[in-house]
Amino acid sequence: MSEQETRGANEAIDFNDELRNRREKLVALRQQGVAFPNDFRRDHTSDQLHEEFDAKNNQELESLNIEVSVAGRMMTRRIMGESLLCNVAGCRWPYSTVRCKR
């Protein structure tokens, strides 16, 4: 058997193993009754956060030590030292910049 044929056979075996694993996981999820879980709940909207915190400076915000859950699609992210900046799309604001400590 040539090297290419051996490599192709090994890749096919790996693919079949991966496919079998995925199907087993799907069966287990279906047996639990939750094939596509979606239990995330937000506690704030971006509008609420803007109204409440736009007037505060960084020192005030850090002293408050706020923890919130927001929903939306993360469009971009930038890692800057200990901070993570994300642009989140959702609701009325086209993009809201979110700063998190890592």
C-alpha atoms as a PDB file:
ATOM      1  CA  MET A   1       0.000   0.000   0.000  1.00  0.00           C
ATOM      2  CA  SER A   2       1.365   3.426  -0.858  1.00  0.00           C
ATOM      3  CA  GLU A   3       1.792   6.183   1.706  1.00  0.00           C
ATOM      4  CA  GLN A   4      -1.078   8.212   0.206  1.00  0.00           C
ATOM      5  CA  GLU A   5      -3.473   5.269   0.373  1.00  0.00           C
ATOM      6  CA  THR A   6      -2.510   4.612   4.012  1.00  0.00           C
ATOM      7  CA  ARG A   7      -3.007   8.282   4.906  1.00  0.00           C
ATOM      8  CA  GLY A   8      -6.388   8.320   3.144  1.00  0.00           C
ATOM      9  CA  ALA A   9      -7.511   5.196   5.003  1.00  0.00           C
ATOM     10  CA  ASN A  10      -6.453   6.679   8.363  1.00  0.00           C
ATOM     11  CA  GLU A  11      -8.314   9.930   7.639  1.00  0.00           C
ATOM     12  CA  ALA A  12     -11.444   7.946   6.742  1.00  0.00           C
ATOM     13  CA  ILE A  13     -11.218   6.029  10.028  1.00  0.00           C
ATOM     14  CA  ASP A  14     -10.759   9.286  11.993  1.00  0.00           C
ATOM     15  CA  PHE A  15     -13.748  10.824  10.201  1.00  0.00           C
ATOM     16  CA  ASN A  16     -15.905   7.776  10.927  1.00  0.00           C
ATOM     17  CA  ASP A  17     -14.898   7.843  14.614  1.00  0.00           C
ATOM     18  CA  GLU A  18     -15.756  11.537  14.848  1.00  0.00           C
ATOM     19  CA  LEU A  19     -19.092  11.002  13.116  1.00  0.00           C
ATOM     20  CA  ARG A  20     -19.944   8.121  15.463  1.00  0.00           C
ATOM     21  CA  ASN A  21     -19.060  10.266  18.512  1.00  0.00           C
ATOM     22  CA  ARG A  22     -21.272  13.117  17.311  1.00  0.00           C
ATOM     23  CA  ARG A  23     -24.204  10.790  16.678  1.00  0.00           C
ATOM     24  CA  GLU A  24     -23.842   9.238  20.140  1.00  0.00           C
ATOM     25  CA  LYS A  25     -23.852  12.699  21.734  1.00  0.00           C
ATOM     26  CA  LEU A  26     -26.954  13.674  19.737  1.00  0.00           C
ATOM     27  CA  VAL A  27     -28.782  10.515  20.853  1.00  0.00           C
ATOM     28  CA  ALA A  28     -27.887  11.269  24.491  1.00  0.00           C
ATOM     29  CA  LEU A  29     -29.195  14.853  24.153  1.00  0.00           C
ATOM     30  CA  ARG A  30     -32.427  13.659  22.550  1.00  0.00           C
ATOM     31  CA  GLN A  31     -32.961  11.134  25.349  1.00  0.00           C
ATOM     32  CA  GLN A  32     -32.668  13.984  27.852  1.00  0.00           C
ATOM     33  CA  GLY A  33     -35.419  15.783  25.955  1.00  0.00           C
ATOM     34  CA  VAL A  34     -33.305  18.837  25.154  1.00  0.00           C
ATOM     35  CA  ALA A  35     -31.773  18.456  21.711  1.00  0.00           C
ATOM     36  CA  PHE A  36     -30.835  22.130  21.465  1.00  0.00           C
ATOM     37  CA  PRO A  37     -30.637  23.648  24.970  1.00  0.00           C
ATOM     38  CA  ASN A  38     -31.285  27.364  25.311  1.00  0.00           C
ATOM     39  CA  ASP A  39     -31.512  28.234  28.976  1.00  0.00           C
ATOM     40  CA  PHE A  40     -29.579  31.520  28.959  1.00  0.00           C
ATOM     41  CA  ARG A  41     -31.545  34.433  30.393  1.00  0.00           C
ATOM     42  CA  ARG A  42     -30.416  38.037  30.255  1.00  0.00           C
ATOM     43  CA  ASP A  43     -30.995  40.336  33.188  1.00  0.00           C
ATOM     44  CA  HIS A  44     -30.371  43.643  31.381  1.00  0.00           C
ATOM     45  CA  THR A  45     -30.708  45.126  27.906  1.00  0.00           C
ATOM     46  CA  SER A  46     -28.134  47.425  26.380  1.00  0.00           C
ATOM     47  CA  ASP A  47     -30.653  50.293  26.596  1.00  0.00           C
ATOM     48  CA  GLN A  48     -31.006  49.810  30.351  1.00  0.00           C
ATOM     49  CA  LEU A  49     -27.246  49.732  30.837  1.00  0.00           C
ATOM     50  CA  HIS A  50     -26.709  52.883  28.759  1.00  0.00           C
ATOM     51  CA  GLU A  51     -29.399  54.751  30.700  1.00  0.00           C
ATOM     52  CA  GLU A  52     -28.024  53.691  34.060  1.00  0.00           C
ATOM     53  CA  PHE A  53     -24.258  53.874  33.542  1.00  0.00           C
ATOM     54  CA  ASP A  54     -23.396  56.267  30.670  1.00  0.00           C
ATOM     55  CA  ALA A  55     -22.931  59.205  33.048  1.00  0.00           C
ATOM     56  CA  LYS A  56     -20.468  57.358  35.291  1.00  0.00           C
ATOM     57  CA  ASN A  57     -16.703  57.430  34.797  1.00  0.00           C
ATOM     58  CA  ASN A  58     -14.370  54.408  34.909  1.00  0.00           C
ATOM     59  CA  GLN A  59     -13.499  54.790  38.602  1.00  0.00           C
ATOM     60  CA  GLU A  60     -17.153  54.877  39.628  1.00  0.00           C
ATOM     61  CA  LEU A  61     -17.935  51.825  37.506  1.00  0.00           C
ATOM     62  CA  GLU A  62     -15.006  49.846  38.908  1.00  0.00           C
ATOM     63  CA  SER A  63     -16.008  50.664  42.481  1.00  0.00           C
ATOM     64  CA  LEU A  64     -19.554  49.390  41.793  1.00  0.00           C
ATOM     65  CA  ASN A  65     -18.195  45.986  40.647  1.00  0.00           C
ATOM     66  CA  ILE A  66     -21.211  45.368  38.400  1.00  0.00           C
ATOM     67  CA  GLU A  67     -22.044  41.945  36.971  1.00  0.00           C
ATOM     68  CA  VAL A  68     -24.705  41.719  34.253  1.00  0.00           C
ATOM     69  CA  SER A  69     -25.947  39.254  31.652  1.00  0.00           C
ATOM     70  CA  VAL A  70     -26.781  40.634  28.216  1.00  0.00           C
ATOM     71  CA  ALA A  71     -27.859  38.875  25.052  1.00  0.00           C
ATOM     72  CA  GLY A  72     -26.660  39.580  21.544  1.00  0.00           C
ATOM     73  CA  ARG A  73     -24.184  38.558  18.909  1.00  0.00           C
ATOM     74  CA  MET A  74     -20.514  39.238  19.589  1.00  0.00           C
ATOM     75  CA  MET A  75     -19.341  40.925  16.394  1.00  0.00           C
ATOM     76  CA  THR A  76     -15.752  41.787  17.336  1.00  0.00           C
ATOM     77  CA  ARG A  77     -13.489  41.390  20.326  1.00  0.00           C
ATOM     78  CA  ARG A  78     -10.223  43.000  21.324  1.00  0.00           C
ATOM     79  CA  ILE A  79      -8.013  41.760  24.111  1.00  0.00           C
ATOM     80  CA  MET A  80      -6.120  44.609  25.751  1.00  0.00           C
ATOM     81  CA  GLY A  81      -4.088  43.512  28.755  1.00  0.00           C
ATOM     82  CA  GLU A  82      -6.484  42.613  31.546  1.00  0.00           C
ATOM     83  CA  SER A  83      -9.520  43.928  29.664  1.00  0.00           C
ATOM     84  CA  LEU A  84     -11.658  42.427  26.949  1.00  0.00           C
ATOM     85  CA  LEU A  85     -13.584  44.815  24.693  1.00  0.00           C
ATOM     86  CA  CYS A  86     -16.468  43.399  22.663  1.00  0.00           C
ATOM     87  CA  ASN A  87     -18.874  44.913  20.180  1.00  0.00           C
ATOM     88  CA  VAL A  88     -22.233  43.256  20.769  1.00  0.00           C
ATOM     89  CA  ALA A  89     -25.105  43.609  18.288  1.00  0.00           C
ATOM     90  CA  GLY A  90     -28.639  43.417  19.570  1.00  0.00           C
ATOM     91  CA  CYS A  91     -31.841  45.260  20.430  1.00  0.00           C
ATOM     92  CA  ARG A  92     -31.935  48.948  19.534  1.00  0.00           C
ATOM     93  CA  TRP A  93     -28.257  49.807  19.689  1.00  0.00           C
ATOM     94  CA  PRO A  94     -26.486  48.614  16.540  1.00  0.00           C
ATOM     95  CA  TYR A  95     -23.288  47.916  18.488  1.00  0.00           C
ATOM     96  CA  SER A  96     -22.602  48.283  22.174  1.00  0.00           C
ATOM     97  CA  THR A  97     -19.029  48.148  23.403  1.00  0.00           C
ATOM     98  CA  VAL A  98     -18.682  45.974  26.471  1.00  0.00           C
ATOM     99  CA  ARG A  99     -15.579  46.051  28.672  1.00  0.00           C
ATOM    100  CA  CYS A 100     -14.867  43.047  30.853  1.00  0.00           C
ATOM    101  CA  LYS A 101     -12.004  42.145  33.129  1.00  0.00           C
ATOM    102  CA  ARG A 102     -10.351  38.879  32.193  1.00  0.00           C
END
